Amino acid sequence: MGTYFAKREDVTRKWFVVDAAGKPLGRLAAEVAKILRGKHKPTFTPHVDCGDHVIVVNADKCVLSGTSKAGEPIYRHSGYPGGLKSTPRGEILANKPEKAVHRAIRGMLPHNKLGDAMIKKLKVYAGPDHNHQAQMPEELKFEG
């Protein structure tokens, strides 16, 4: 018997809702990245996007813990000389919580076209409401 490789046509996708209230940002990002990648499925294939859709709610109630200090700078560069800018991690989480959660999850996915396809299945909302009730998402709970 040969090794099973999932095909794009064989993948079935589900929708999950994750409540980020009180969860550490890194642990939340690791769990969500695992679901987006499809590693929770027995049919996981590394070169195929076989993950599920994830909706993260209450991103504004996510916390920083452990070694992720709120004053630690996050860098970005415009591409021009002298274009290096930095913003404290805590400030990004306070002002733009969706962006902070999205950035943390994106960093845990592959940095190629496959990762770009996976991150499109992520929806992040600062509050408890989302507009994806028609997809009938399941509540996803994890230790955090």
N, C-alpha and C. Protein backbone atom coordinates (compact mmCIF):
# COMPACT_ATOMS: atom_id res chain seq x y z
N MET A 1 0.84 -1.18 0.00
CA MET A 1 0.00 0.00 0.00
C MET A 1 0.88 1.24 0.00
N GLY A 2 0.57 2.19 -0.85
CA GLY A 2 1.37 3.39 -0.98
C GLY A 2 0.95 4.47 0.00
N THR A 3 1.71 5.54 0.02
CA THR A 3 1.42 6.68 0.87
C THR A 3 0.24 7.46 0.30
N TYR A 4 -0.66 7.88 1.17
CA TYR A 4 -1.83 8.63 0.74
C TYR A 4 -1.47 10.10 0.59
N PHE A 5 -1.81 10.70 -0.53
CA PHE A 5 -1.66 12.12 -0.76
C PHE A 5 -3.04 12.70 -1.07
N ALA A 6 -3.45 13.69 -0.30
CA ALA A 6 -4.73 14.33 -0.54
C ALA A 6 -4.68 15.14 -1.82
N LYS A 7 -5.80 15.17 -2.53
CA LYS A 7 -5.92 16.00 -3.73
C LYS A 7 -6.84 17.17 -3.41
N ARG A 8 -6.70 18.23 -4.16
CA ARG A 8 -7.50 19.41 -3.92
C ARG A 8 -9.00 19.11 -3.99
N GLU A 9 -9.39 18.20 -4.89
CA GLU A 9 -10.81 17.87 -5.06
C GLU A 9 -11.35 17.07 -3.87
N ASP A 10 -10.50 16.33 -3.17
CA ASP A 10 -10.94 15.47 -2.08
C ASP A 10 -11.08 16.19 -0.74
N VAL A 11 -10.58 17.43 -0.64
CA VAL A 11 -10.57 18.14 0.64
C VAL A 11 -11.96 18.70 0.94
N THR A 12 -12.46 18.40 2.14
CA THR A 12 -13.72 19.00 2.61
C THR A 12 -13.38 20.00 3.70
N ARG A 13 -13.94 21.19 3.60
CA ARG A 13 -13.62 22.25 4.54
C ARG A 13 -14.78 22.52 5.48
N LYS A 14 -14.45 22.74 6.74
CA LYS A 14 -15.42 23.11 7.75
C LYS A 14 -15.10 24.52 8.23
N TRP A 15 -16.01 25.10 8.99
CA TRP A 15 -15.81 26.43 9.55
C TRP A 15 -15.76 26.31 11.07
N PHE A 16 -14.81 27.01 11.69
CA PHE A 16 -14.66 27.01 13.13
C PHE A 16 -14.64 28.43 13.65
N VAL A 17 -15.17 28.63 14.87
CA VAL A 17 -15.11 29.92 15.55
C VAL A 17 -14.23 29.75 16.78
N VAL A 18 -13.27 30.65 16.94
CA VAL A 18 -12.37 30.63 18.09
C VAL A 18 -12.57 31.92 18.87
N ASP A 19 -12.81 31.81 20.17
CA ASP A 19 -12.94 32.97 21.03
C ASP A 19 -11.57 33.28 21.63
N ALA A 20 -11.03 34.45 21.33
CA ALA A 20 -9.68 34.81 21.76
C ALA A 20 -9.66 35.50 23.12
N ALA A 21 -10.79 35.64 23.78
CA ALA A 21 -10.85 36.37 25.05
C ALA A 21 -10.01 35.67 26.12
N GLY A 22 -9.02 36.38 26.64
CA GLY A 22 -8.18 35.87 27.70
C GLY A 22 -7.12 34.88 27.27
N LYS A 23 -7.01 34.59 25.99
CA LYS A 23 -6.02 33.62 25.51
C LYS A 23 -4.70 34.34 25.19
N PRO A 24 -3.56 33.71 25.49
CA PRO A 24 -2.28 34.30 25.07
C PRO A 24 -2.17 34.31 23.55
N LEU A 25 -1.62 35.38 23.01
CA LEU A 25 -1.57 35.57 21.56
C LEU A 25 -0.82 34.46 20.85
N GLY A 26 0.32 34.05 21.37
CA GLY A 26 1.12 33.02 20.72
C GLY A 26 0.45 31.66 20.70
N ARG A 27 -0.16 31.27 21.80
CA ARG A 27 -0.84 29.97 21.86
C ARG A 27 -2.07 29.96 20.95
N LEU A 28 -2.79 31.08 20.91
CA LEU A 28 -3.93 31.21 20.01
C LEU A 28 -3.47 31.07 18.57
N ALA A 29 -2.38 31.77 18.22
CA ALA A 29 -1.89 31.74 16.85
C ALA A 29 -1.44 30.33 16.45
N ALA A 30 -0.80 29.61 17.36
CA ALA A 30 -0.34 28.26 17.05
C ALA A 30 -1.51 27.31 16.78
N GLU A 31 -2.56 27.41 17.58
CA GLU A 31 -3.72 26.53 17.40
C GLU A 31 -4.46 26.86 16.11
N VAL A 32 -4.64 28.14 15.83
CA VAL A 32 -5.35 28.55 14.62
C VAL A 32 -4.55 28.18 13.37
N ALA A 33 -3.22 28.34 13.43
CA ALA A 33 -2.38 27.98 12.29
C ALA A 33 -2.46 26.48 12.02
N LYS A 34 -2.56 25.68 13.06
CA LYS A 34 -2.69 24.23 12.90
C LYS A 34 -3.99 23.89 12.17
N ILE A 35 -5.07 24.57 12.50
CA ILE A 35 -6.36 24.32 11.85
C ILE A 35 -6.32 24.81 10.40
N LEU A 36 -5.76 26.01 10.17
CA LEU A 36 -5.68 26.55 8.80
C LEU A 36 -4.82 25.67 7.91
N ARG A 37 -3.80 25.08 8.46
CA ARG A 37 -2.89 24.23 7.68
C ARG A 37 -3.49 22.85 7.44
N GLY A 38 -4.34 22.37 8.35
CA GLY A 38 -4.96 21.06 8.18
C GLY A 38 -4.24 19.96 8.93
N LYS A 39 -3.36 20.31 9.86
CA LYS A 39 -2.58 19.30 10.58
C LYS A 39 -3.43 18.50 11.56
N HIS A 40 -4.64 18.95 11.85
CA HIS A 40 -5.52 18.22 12.75
C HIS A 40 -6.25 17.08 12.04
N LYS A 41 -6.11 16.98 10.73
CA LYS A 41 -6.81 15.96 9.96
C LYS A 41 -5.90 14.76 9.69
N PRO A 42 -6.46 13.56 9.65
CA PRO A 42 -5.62 12.39 9.34
C PRO A 42 -5.16 12.37 7.88
N THR A 43 -5.79 13.16 7.02
CA THR A 43 -5.42 13.20 5.61
C THR A 43 -4.48 14.36 5.29
N PHE A 44 -3.78 14.89 6.30
CA PHE A 44 -2.87 16.03 6.10
C PHE A 44 -1.81 15.69 5.07
N THR A 45 -1.65 16.60 4.12
CA THR A 45 -0.61 16.48 3.11
C THR A 45 0.12 17.82 3.07
N PRO A 46 1.44 17.85 3.25
CA PRO A 46 2.16 19.12 3.38
C PRO A 46 2.06 20.05 2.18
N HIS A 47 1.95 19.51 0.97
CA HIS A 47 1.98 20.36 -0.21
C HIS A 47 0.59 20.71 -0.74
N VAL A 48 -0.48 20.36 0.02
CA VAL A 48 -1.85 20.65 -0.39
C VAL A 48 -2.52 21.48 0.70
N ASP A 49 -3.30 22.47 0.30
CA ASP A 49 -4.05 23.28 1.25
C ASP A 49 -5.29 22.49 1.67
N CYS A 50 -5.17 21.74 2.77
CA CYS A 50 -6.28 20.89 3.20
C CYS A 50 -6.85 21.36 4.54
N GLY A 51 -6.62 22.62 4.90
CA GLY A 51 -7.11 23.15 6.16
C GLY A 51 -8.54 23.65 6.09
N ASP A 52 -9.03 24.11 7.23
CA ASP A 52 -10.40 24.60 7.36
C ASP A 52 -10.41 26.11 7.53
N HIS A 53 -11.61 26.69 7.46
CA HIS A 53 -11.80 28.12 7.67
C HIS A 53 -11.88 28.38 9.17
N VAL A 54 -11.31 29.51 9.61
CA VAL A 54 -11.32 29.87 11.02
C VAL A 54 -11.78 31.32 11.17
N ILE A 55 -12.70 31.54 12.11
CA ILE A 55 -13.17 32.87 12.46
C ILE A 55 -12.70 33.15 13.89
N VAL A 56 -11.91 34.19 14.09
CA VAL A 56 -11.43 34.56 15.42
C VAL A 56 -12.24 35.76 15.89
N VAL A 57 -12.91 35.64 17.02
CA VAL A 57 -13.69 36.74 17.58
C VAL A 57 -13.04 37.19 18.90
N ASN A 58 -13.38 38.39 19.35
CA ASN A 58 -12.84 38.98 20.57
C ASN A 58 -11.32 39.13 20.52
N ALA A 59 -10.81 39.53 19.38
CA ALA A 59 -9.36 39.72 19.25
C ALA A 59 -8.86 40.84 20.15
N ASP A 60 -9.73 41.78 20.51
CA ASP A 60 -9.31 42.87 21.38
C ASP A 60 -9.10 42.42 22.81
N LYS A 61 -9.58 41.23 23.18
CA LYS A 61 -9.41 40.72 24.54
C LYS A 61 -8.27 39.70 24.64
N CYS A 62 -7.49 39.57 23.58
CA CYS A 62 -6.33 38.68 23.57
C CYS A 62 -5.23 39.31 24.42
N VAL A 63 -4.41 38.50 25.09
CA VAL A 63 -3.40 39.03 25.99
C VAL A 63 -2.00 38.61 25.55
N LEU A 64 -1.02 39.37 26.01
CA LEU A 64 0.38 39.02 25.83
C LEU A 64 0.87 38.42 27.14
N SER A 65 1.62 37.34 27.06
CA SER A 65 2.14 36.72 28.28
C SER A 65 3.52 36.15 28.02
N GLY A 66 4.18 35.73 29.07
CA GLY A 66 5.49 35.11 28.93
C GLY A 66 6.53 36.08 28.44
N THR A 67 7.29 35.67 27.43
CA THR A 67 8.39 36.49 26.95
C THR A 67 7.96 37.55 25.95
N SER A 68 6.71 37.53 25.51
CA SER A 68 6.25 38.54 24.55
C SER A 68 5.89 39.81 25.30
N LYS A 69 6.84 40.70 25.40
CA LYS A 69 6.67 41.93 26.16
C LYS A 69 5.89 42.95 25.35
N ALA A 70 5.08 43.74 26.03
CA ALA A 70 4.26 44.73 25.35
C ALA A 70 5.11 45.85 24.74
N GLY A 71 6.28 46.12 25.32
CA GLY A 71 7.14 47.18 24.81
C GLY A 71 8.08 46.74 23.71
N GLU A 72 8.11 45.46 23.40
CA GLU A 72 9.01 44.95 22.37
C GLU A 72 8.60 45.51 21.00
N PRO A 73 9.57 46.04 20.23
CA PRO A 73 9.20 46.68 18.96
C PRO A 73 8.92 45.66 17.85
N ILE A 74 7.97 46.00 17.00
CA ILE A 74 7.70 45.27 15.77
C ILE A 74 8.18 46.16 14.63
N TYR A 75 9.06 45.62 13.79
CA TYR A 75 9.68 46.41 12.73
C TYR A 75 8.98 46.19 11.39
N ARG A 76 9.01 47.25 10.57
CA ARG A 76 8.58 47.15 9.18
C ARG A 76 9.45 48.11 8.38
N HIS A 77 9.60 47.83 7.10
CA HIS A 77 10.46 48.65 6.27
C HIS A 77 9.73 49.00 4.98
N SER A 78 9.83 50.26 4.58
CA SER A 78 9.12 50.73 3.38
C SER A 78 9.82 50.30 2.10
N GLY A 79 11.09 49.92 2.19
CA GLY A 79 11.86 49.57 1.01
C GLY A 79 12.73 50.71 0.52
N TYR A 80 12.57 51.90 1.10
CA TYR A 80 13.38 53.05 0.75
C TYR A 80 14.48 53.24 1.80
N PRO A 81 15.57 53.90 1.44
CA PRO A 81 16.62 54.16 2.44
C PRO A 81 16.07 54.94 3.62
N GLY A 82 16.38 54.50 4.81
CA GLY A 82 15.89 55.16 6.01
C GLY A 82 14.44 54.86 6.31
N GLY A 83 13.88 53.84 5.68
CA GLY A 83 12.46 53.55 5.82
C GLY A 83 12.12 52.55 6.90
N LEU A 84 13.01 52.30 7.86
CA LEU A 84 12.73 51.37 8.95
C LEU A 84 11.89 52.06 10.01
N LYS A 85 10.77 51.47 10.33
CA LYS A 85 9.87 52.02 11.34
C LYS A 85 9.58 50.93 12.37
N SER A 86 9.27 51.34 13.58
CA SER A 86 8.95 50.35 14.62
C SER A 86 7.77 50.84 15.44
N THR A 87 7.01 49.88 15.94
CA THR A 87 5.86 50.15 16.79
C THR A 87 5.88 49.11 17.92
N PRO A 88 5.63 49.51 19.16
CA PRO A 88 5.60 48.53 20.25
C PRO A 88 4.48 47.51 20.05
N ARG A 89 4.76 46.27 20.41
CA ARG A 89 3.81 45.16 20.25
C ARG A 89 2.50 45.44 20.99
N GLY A 90 2.58 45.98 22.20
CA GLY A 90 1.38 46.27 22.98
C GLY A 90 0.52 47.34 22.35
N GLU A 91 1.16 48.31 21.69
CA GLU A 91 0.40 49.38 21.03
C GLU A 91 -0.37 48.83 19.84
N ILE A 92 0.23 47.93 19.08
CA ILE A 92 -0.47 47.32 17.94
C ILE A 92 -1.66 46.52 18.43
N LEU A 93 -1.46 45.75 19.52
CA LEU A 93 -2.54 44.93 20.06
C LEU A 93 -3.67 45.80 20.61
N ALA A 94 -3.34 46.96 21.16
CA ALA A 94 -4.37 47.84 21.71
C ALA A 94 -5.12 48.59 20.62
N ASN A 95 -4.40 49.10 19.60
CA ASN A 95 -5.02 49.93 18.58
C ASN A 95 -5.63 49.14 17.43
N LYS A 96 -4.94 48.10 16.98
CA LYS A 96 -5.41 47.30 15.84
C LYS A 96 -5.32 45.81 16.20
N PRO A 97 -6.23 45.31 17.05
CA PRO A 97 -6.12 43.91 17.49
C PRO A 97 -6.26 42.90 16.36
N GLU A 98 -7.07 43.22 15.34
CA GLU A 98 -7.22 42.29 14.22
C GLU A 98 -5.89 42.12 13.50
N LYS A 99 -5.18 43.23 13.31
CA LYS A 99 -3.89 43.18 12.61
C LYS A 99 -2.85 42.40 13.42
N ALA A 100 -2.85 42.57 14.74
CA ALA A 100 -1.89 41.87 15.59
C ALA A 100 -2.12 40.36 15.56
N VAL A 101 -3.37 39.94 15.65
CA VAL A 101 -3.69 38.51 15.62
C VAL A 101 -3.39 37.94 14.24
N HIS A 102 -3.78 38.64 13.19
CA HIS A 102 -3.54 38.20 11.82
C HIS A 102 -2.05 38.03 11.57
N ARG A 103 -1.23 38.99 12.04
CA ARG A 103 0.21 38.94 11.83
C ARG A 103 0.85 37.77 12.57
N ALA A 104 0.37 37.49 13.80
CA ALA A 104 0.92 36.38 14.57
C ALA A 104 0.60 35.04 13.92
N ILE A 105 -0.61 34.90 13.40
CA ILE A 105 -1.00 33.65 12.75
C ILE A 105 -0.27 33.49 11.43
N ARG A 106 -0.13 34.56 10.67
CA ARG A 106 0.56 34.50 9.38
C ARG A 106 2.01 34.08 9.55
N GLY A 107 2.63 34.48 10.65
CA GLY A 107 4.01 34.12 10.89
C GLY A 107 4.21 32.64 11.16
N MET A 108 3.15 31.93 11.49
CA MET A 108 3.25 30.49 11.78
C MET A 108 2.81 29.62 10.61
N LEU A 109 2.51 30.22 9.48
CA LEU A 109 2.16 29.48 8.27
C LEU A 109 3.35 29.49 7.30
N PRO A 110 3.34 28.63 6.29
CA PRO A 110 4.42 28.64 5.31
C PRO A 110 4.51 29.99 4.61
N HIS A 111 5.72 30.44 4.34
CA HIS A 111 5.94 31.73 3.69
C HIS A 111 6.13 31.52 2.19
N ASN A 112 5.05 31.09 1.53
CA ASN A 112 5.06 30.85 0.09
C ASN A 112 3.62 30.97 -0.42
N LYS A 113 3.37 30.54 -1.65
CA LYS A 113 2.03 30.64 -2.23
C LYS A 113 1.02 29.80 -1.46
N LEU A 114 1.45 28.68 -0.92
CA LEU A 114 0.55 27.83 -0.14
C LEU A 114 0.10 28.54 1.13
N GLY A 115 1.03 29.23 1.79
CA GLY A 115 0.68 30.01 2.97
C GLY A 115 -0.26 31.16 2.64
N ASP A 116 -0.08 31.77 1.46
CA ASP A 116 -0.98 32.84 1.03
C ASP A 116 -2.39 32.32 0.85
N ALA A 117 -2.53 31.11 0.33
CA ALA A 117 -3.86 30.51 0.17
C ALA A 117 -4.47 30.16 1.51
N MET A 118 -3.65 29.72 2.46
CA MET A 118 -4.16 29.34 3.78
C MET A 118 -4.66 30.55 4.56
N ILE A 119 -3.93 31.67 4.50
CA ILE A 119 -4.30 32.84 5.29
C ILE A 119 -5.60 33.47 4.80
N LYS A 120 -5.99 33.20 3.56
CA LYS A 120 -7.25 33.73 3.04
C LYS A 120 -8.46 33.09 3.71
N LYS A 121 -8.27 31.96 4.38
CA LYS A 121 -9.36 31.29 5.08
C LYS A 121 -9.51 31.77 6.52
N LEU A 122 -8.78 32.81 6.90
CA LEU A 122 -8.83 33.35 8.25
C LEU A 122 -9.62 34.65 8.26
N LYS A 123 -10.56 34.76 9.20
CA LYS A 123 -11.33 35.98 9.40
C LYS A 123 -11.17 36.39 10.86
N VAL A 124 -10.74 37.62 11.11
CA VAL A 124 -10.49 38.09 12.47
C VAL A 124 -11.38 39.29 12.76
N TYR A 125 -12.05 39.27 13.92
CA TYR A 125 -12.93 40.35 14.35
C TYR A 125 -12.58 40.78 15.75
N ALA A 126 -12.58 42.10 16.01
CA ALA A 126 -12.22 42.63 17.32
C ALA A 126 -13.30 42.33 18.36
N GLY A 127 -14.55 42.36 17.97
CA GLY A 127 -15.65 42.15 18.90
C GLY A 127 -16.21 40.73 18.84
N PRO A 128 -17.30 40.49 19.55
CA PRO A 128 -17.87 39.14 19.60
C PRO A 128 -18.74 38.78 18.40
N ASP A 129 -19.03 39.74 17.52
CA ASP A 129 -19.93 39.49 16.40
C ASP A 129 -19.16 39.24 15.11
N HIS A 130 -19.71 38.35 14.28
CA HIS A 130 -19.16 38.11 12.95
C HIS A 130 -20.32 37.88 12.00
N ASN A 131 -20.08 37.99 10.70
CA ASN A 131 -21.16 37.85 9.73
C ASN A 131 -21.04 36.56 8.92
N HIS A 132 -20.67 35.47 9.56
CA HIS A 132 -20.52 34.18 8.88
C HIS A 132 -21.44 33.12 9.47
N GLN A 133 -22.62 33.53 9.95
CA GLN A 133 -23.56 32.57 10.53
C GLN A 133 -24.09 31.60 9.48
N ALA A 134 -24.13 32.01 8.22
CA ALA A 134 -24.66 31.16 7.15
C ALA A 134 -23.80 29.91 6.94
N GLN A 135 -22.51 29.98 7.31
CA GLN A 135 -21.63 28.83 7.14
C GLN A 135 -21.76 27.83 8.29
N MET A 136 -22.56 28.15 9.29
CA MET A 136 -22.79 27.31 10.47
C MET A 136 -21.48 26.84 11.09
N PRO A 137 -20.65 27.78 11.58
CA PRO A 137 -19.36 27.39 12.16
C PRO A 137 -19.51 26.68 13.49
N GLU A 138 -18.58 25.78 13.78
CA GLU A 138 -18.54 25.07 15.05
C GLU A 138 -17.65 25.84 16.01
N GLU A 139 -17.98 25.76 17.30
CA GLU A 139 -17.15 26.37 18.33
C GLU A 139 -15.92 25.52 18.56
N LEU A 140 -14.75 26.11 18.52
CA LEU A 140 -13.49 25.39 18.72
C LEU A 140 -12.90 25.82 20.04
N LYS A 141 -12.69 24.86 20.94
CA LYS A 141 -12.12 25.15 22.24
C LYS A 141 -10.77 24.48 22.36
N PHE A 142 -9.83 25.15 22.99
CA PHE A 142 -8.52 24.57 23.24
C PHE A 142 -7.99 25.12 24.55
N GLU A 143 -7.04 24.41 25.12
CA GLU A 143 -6.42 24.85 26.37
C GLU A 143 -5.50 26.01 26.07
N GLY A 144 -5.60 27.08 26.83
CA GLY A 144 -4.76 28.21 26.51
C GLY A 144 -4.46 29.11 27.62
